[in-house]
N, C-alpha and C. Protein backbone atom coordinates (compact mmCIF):
# COMPACT_ATOMS: atom_id res chain seq x y z
N MET A 1 12.38 -28.74 -28.98
CA MET A 1 12.39 -27.60 -28.08
C MET A 1 11.23 -27.74 -27.11
N ALA A 2 11.44 -27.29 -25.91
CA ALA A 2 10.47 -27.43 -24.83
C ALA A 2 9.12 -26.80 -25.15
N ILE A 3 9.13 -25.70 -25.85
CA ILE A 3 7.85 -25.02 -26.08
C ILE A 3 6.94 -25.85 -26.98
N TYR A 4 7.46 -26.56 -27.95
CA TYR A 4 6.61 -27.36 -28.81
C TYR A 4 5.94 -28.49 -28.05
N ARG A 5 6.63 -29.04 -27.08
CA ARG A 5 6.05 -30.09 -26.24
C ARG A 5 4.86 -29.53 -25.47
N LEU A 6 4.99 -28.31 -25.00
CA LEU A 6 3.92 -27.67 -24.24
C LEU A 6 2.73 -27.29 -25.12
N LEU A 7 2.97 -27.06 -26.39
CA LEU A 7 1.93 -26.58 -27.29
C LEU A 7 1.22 -27.70 -28.05
N ARG A 8 1.58 -28.95 -27.82
CA ARG A 8 0.97 -30.07 -28.53
C ARG A 8 -0.53 -30.18 -28.32
N ARG A 9 -1.01 -29.65 -27.22
CA ARG A 9 -2.44 -29.78 -26.89
C ARG A 9 -3.33 -29.04 -27.87
N GLY A 10 -2.77 -28.19 -28.70
CA GLY A 10 -3.52 -27.53 -29.74
C GLY A 10 -4.40 -26.38 -29.30
N VAL A 11 -4.06 -25.71 -28.22
CA VAL A 11 -4.89 -24.59 -27.75
C VAL A 11 -4.54 -23.28 -28.46
N PHE A 12 -3.47 -23.27 -29.24
CA PHE A 12 -3.06 -22.08 -29.96
C PHE A 12 -3.15 -22.32 -31.46
N GLU A 13 -3.42 -21.24 -32.19
CA GLU A 13 -3.44 -21.29 -33.65
C GLU A 13 -2.00 -21.41 -34.15
N PRO A 14 -1.81 -21.90 -35.38
CA PRO A 14 -0.45 -22.05 -35.92
C PRO A 14 0.38 -20.76 -35.88
N ASP A 15 -0.24 -19.62 -36.17
CA ASP A 15 0.49 -18.35 -36.11
C ASP A 15 0.96 -18.05 -34.69
N ASP A 16 0.11 -18.39 -33.72
CA ASP A 16 0.48 -18.18 -32.32
C ASP A 16 1.64 -19.08 -31.92
N VAL A 17 1.63 -20.31 -32.40
CA VAL A 17 2.71 -21.26 -32.09
C VAL A 17 4.03 -20.72 -32.61
N ARG A 18 4.03 -20.21 -33.83
CA ARG A 18 5.26 -19.63 -34.40
C ARG A 18 5.72 -18.43 -33.58
N LEU A 19 4.77 -17.58 -33.21
CA LEU A 19 5.10 -16.41 -32.41
C LEU A 19 5.71 -16.81 -31.07
N LEU A 20 5.09 -17.77 -30.39
CA LEU A 20 5.58 -18.20 -29.08
C LEU A 20 6.94 -18.86 -29.18
N ALA A 21 7.15 -19.64 -30.24
CA ALA A 21 8.46 -20.27 -30.43
C ALA A 21 9.54 -19.22 -30.65
N THR A 22 9.22 -18.19 -31.42
CA THR A 22 10.17 -17.11 -31.66
C THR A 22 10.48 -16.35 -30.38
N VAL A 23 9.45 -16.03 -29.61
CA VAL A 23 9.65 -15.32 -28.35
C VAL A 23 10.49 -16.17 -27.40
N CYS A 24 10.17 -17.44 -27.33
CA CYS A 24 10.92 -18.34 -26.45
C CYS A 24 12.39 -18.37 -26.85
N GLU A 25 12.67 -18.48 -28.13
CA GLU A 25 14.06 -18.47 -28.60
C GLU A 25 14.75 -17.16 -28.24
N ASN A 26 14.05 -16.05 -28.38
CA ASN A 26 14.63 -14.76 -28.04
C ASN A 26 14.97 -14.67 -26.56
N VAL A 27 14.08 -15.17 -25.72
CA VAL A 27 14.34 -15.16 -24.27
C VAL A 27 15.52 -16.07 -23.95
N LEU A 28 15.55 -17.25 -24.54
CA LEU A 28 16.67 -18.17 -24.30
C LEU A 28 18.00 -17.54 -24.69
N CYS A 29 18.03 -16.89 -25.84
CA CYS A 29 19.26 -16.22 -26.27
C CYS A 29 19.64 -15.08 -25.33
N THR A 30 18.65 -14.33 -24.89
CA THR A 30 18.91 -13.20 -23.99
C THR A 30 19.56 -13.65 -22.69
N VAL A 31 19.10 -14.77 -22.15
CA VAL A 31 19.66 -15.24 -20.88
C VAL A 31 20.83 -16.20 -21.08
N GLY A 32 21.17 -16.49 -22.32
CA GLY A 32 22.35 -17.31 -22.60
C GLY A 32 22.15 -18.80 -22.44
N VAL A 33 20.92 -19.27 -22.59
CA VAL A 33 20.68 -20.72 -22.51
C VAL A 33 20.88 -21.29 -23.91
N VAL A 34 21.91 -22.11 -24.06
CA VAL A 34 22.24 -22.70 -25.35
C VAL A 34 21.67 -24.11 -25.45
N ASP A 35 21.81 -24.87 -24.40
CA ASP A 35 21.33 -26.25 -24.37
C ASP A 35 19.83 -26.26 -24.16
N ARG A 36 19.09 -26.71 -25.17
CA ARG A 36 17.63 -26.71 -25.08
C ARG A 36 17.10 -27.78 -24.13
N LYS A 37 17.99 -28.63 -23.61
CA LYS A 37 17.60 -29.61 -22.60
C LYS A 37 17.85 -29.08 -21.19
N ASP A 38 18.41 -27.89 -21.10
CA ASP A 38 18.63 -27.22 -19.81
C ASP A 38 17.27 -27.00 -19.14
N PRO A 39 17.14 -27.29 -17.87
CA PRO A 39 15.85 -27.10 -17.18
C PRO A 39 15.32 -25.67 -17.29
N ARG A 40 16.23 -24.70 -17.44
CA ARG A 40 15.78 -23.31 -17.59
C ARG A 40 15.02 -23.11 -18.90
N ALA A 41 15.33 -23.90 -19.92
CA ALA A 41 14.62 -23.78 -21.19
C ALA A 41 13.14 -24.11 -21.01
N GLU A 42 12.85 -25.14 -20.24
CA GLU A 42 11.45 -25.48 -20.00
C GLU A 42 10.76 -24.43 -19.13
N LEU A 43 11.46 -23.89 -18.14
CA LEU A 43 10.88 -22.82 -17.32
C LEU A 43 10.51 -21.61 -18.18
N ILE A 44 11.39 -21.28 -19.09
CA ILE A 44 11.15 -20.14 -19.98
C ILE A 44 9.95 -20.44 -20.88
N ALA A 45 9.92 -21.62 -21.46
CA ALA A 45 8.80 -21.99 -22.34
C ALA A 45 7.48 -21.94 -21.58
N LYS A 46 7.46 -22.47 -20.37
CA LYS A 46 6.24 -22.45 -19.57
C LYS A 46 5.78 -21.03 -19.29
N LYS A 47 6.71 -20.16 -18.98
CA LYS A 47 6.37 -18.78 -18.68
C LYS A 47 5.80 -18.08 -19.91
N VAL A 48 6.41 -18.28 -21.06
CA VAL A 48 5.92 -17.66 -22.30
C VAL A 48 4.51 -18.16 -22.61
N VAL A 49 4.29 -19.45 -22.47
CA VAL A 49 2.96 -20.02 -22.73
C VAL A 49 1.95 -19.47 -21.73
N GLN A 50 2.33 -19.40 -20.48
CA GLN A 50 1.43 -18.88 -19.45
C GLN A 50 1.00 -17.45 -19.77
N LEU A 51 1.94 -16.63 -20.17
CA LEU A 51 1.62 -15.24 -20.51
C LEU A 51 0.72 -15.16 -21.74
N ALA A 52 0.96 -16.02 -22.71
CA ALA A 52 0.11 -16.06 -23.91
C ALA A 52 -1.29 -16.55 -23.57
N GLN A 53 -1.39 -17.52 -22.68
CA GLN A 53 -2.71 -18.01 -22.27
C GLN A 53 -3.50 -16.91 -21.56
N ALA A 54 -2.80 -15.98 -20.95
CA ALA A 54 -3.45 -14.86 -20.28
C ALA A 54 -3.86 -13.78 -21.28
N GLY A 55 -3.48 -13.96 -22.54
CA GLY A 55 -3.94 -13.06 -23.59
C GLY A 55 -2.90 -12.20 -24.27
N GLU A 56 -1.68 -12.22 -23.78
CA GLU A 56 -0.63 -11.38 -24.38
C GLU A 56 -0.16 -11.99 -25.69
N ARG A 57 -0.09 -11.17 -26.75
CA ARG A 57 0.39 -11.65 -28.05
C ARG A 57 1.48 -10.76 -28.65
N ASP A 58 1.76 -9.62 -28.05
CA ASP A 58 2.81 -8.76 -28.57
C ASP A 58 4.16 -9.40 -28.25
N PRO A 59 4.97 -9.69 -29.27
CA PRO A 59 6.22 -10.42 -29.03
C PRO A 59 7.19 -9.71 -28.08
N GLU A 60 7.37 -8.40 -28.23
CA GLU A 60 8.29 -7.68 -27.35
C GLU A 60 7.77 -7.67 -25.91
N CYS A 61 6.48 -7.49 -25.77
CA CYS A 61 5.87 -7.48 -24.45
C CYS A 61 5.98 -8.86 -23.80
N LEU A 62 5.73 -9.91 -24.58
CA LEU A 62 5.87 -11.28 -24.07
C LEU A 62 7.30 -11.53 -23.58
N LYS A 63 8.26 -11.12 -24.39
CA LYS A 63 9.66 -11.32 -24.02
C LYS A 63 9.99 -10.56 -22.75
N ASP A 64 9.62 -9.28 -22.71
CA ASP A 64 9.93 -8.46 -21.54
C ASP A 64 9.25 -8.98 -20.27
N LEU A 65 7.98 -9.35 -20.39
CA LEU A 65 7.25 -9.87 -19.23
C LEU A 65 7.85 -11.19 -18.74
N ALA A 66 8.19 -12.07 -19.68
CA ALA A 66 8.78 -13.36 -19.31
C ALA A 66 10.10 -13.14 -18.58
N LEU A 67 10.95 -12.29 -19.12
CA LEU A 67 12.24 -12.01 -18.47
C LEU A 67 12.05 -11.41 -17.09
N GLU A 68 11.13 -10.46 -17.01
CA GLU A 68 10.89 -9.79 -15.73
C GLU A 68 10.38 -10.77 -14.67
N GLU A 69 9.38 -11.56 -15.03
CA GLU A 69 8.81 -12.49 -14.06
C GLU A 69 9.79 -13.59 -13.66
N LEU A 70 10.54 -14.09 -14.61
CA LEU A 70 11.50 -15.14 -14.30
C LEU A 70 12.64 -14.61 -13.43
N GLN A 71 13.09 -13.41 -13.70
CA GLN A 71 14.16 -12.83 -12.90
C GLN A 71 13.68 -12.48 -11.50
N GLN A 72 12.45 -11.99 -11.40
CA GLN A 72 11.90 -11.67 -10.08
C GLN A 72 11.76 -12.91 -9.21
N SER A 73 11.38 -14.01 -9.85
CA SER A 73 11.19 -15.24 -9.08
C SER A 73 12.51 -16.00 -8.93
N ARG A 74 13.58 -15.46 -9.50
CA ARG A 74 14.91 -16.06 -9.44
C ARG A 74 14.95 -17.48 -10.02
N GLU A 75 14.04 -17.75 -10.97
CA GLU A 75 14.03 -19.06 -11.62
C GLU A 75 15.13 -19.16 -12.65
N ILE A 76 15.61 -18.00 -13.14
CA ILE A 76 16.74 -18.01 -14.06
C ILE A 76 17.69 -16.91 -13.64
N ALA A 77 18.89 -17.04 -14.05
CA ALA A 77 19.87 -15.98 -13.84
C ALA A 77 20.07 -15.26 -15.17
N SER A 78 20.27 -13.97 -15.12
CA SER A 78 20.43 -13.23 -16.37
C SER A 78 21.73 -13.59 -17.09
N ASN A 79 22.73 -13.99 -16.35
CA ASN A 79 23.99 -14.42 -16.95
C ASN A 79 24.47 -15.69 -16.26
N PRO A 80 24.06 -16.86 -16.79
CA PRO A 80 24.44 -18.13 -16.12
C PRO A 80 25.92 -18.36 -16.09
């Protein structure tokens, strides 16, 4: 999965990695991305990581913020 590739650098604790992976999966399911090699999967993973690096750790908030920012920037479609 794209998010694990981004997290290899070890800047997050193991609990954070699990949290981010779960949030990323939830966002992917919400927007209907099934193929984890889809370029949108990496965009979503990057956005979730970016938000976590800014300090957000609440899973629902991470999901909502990621969806909001990605939709505003038109990087993903809500229903591909």
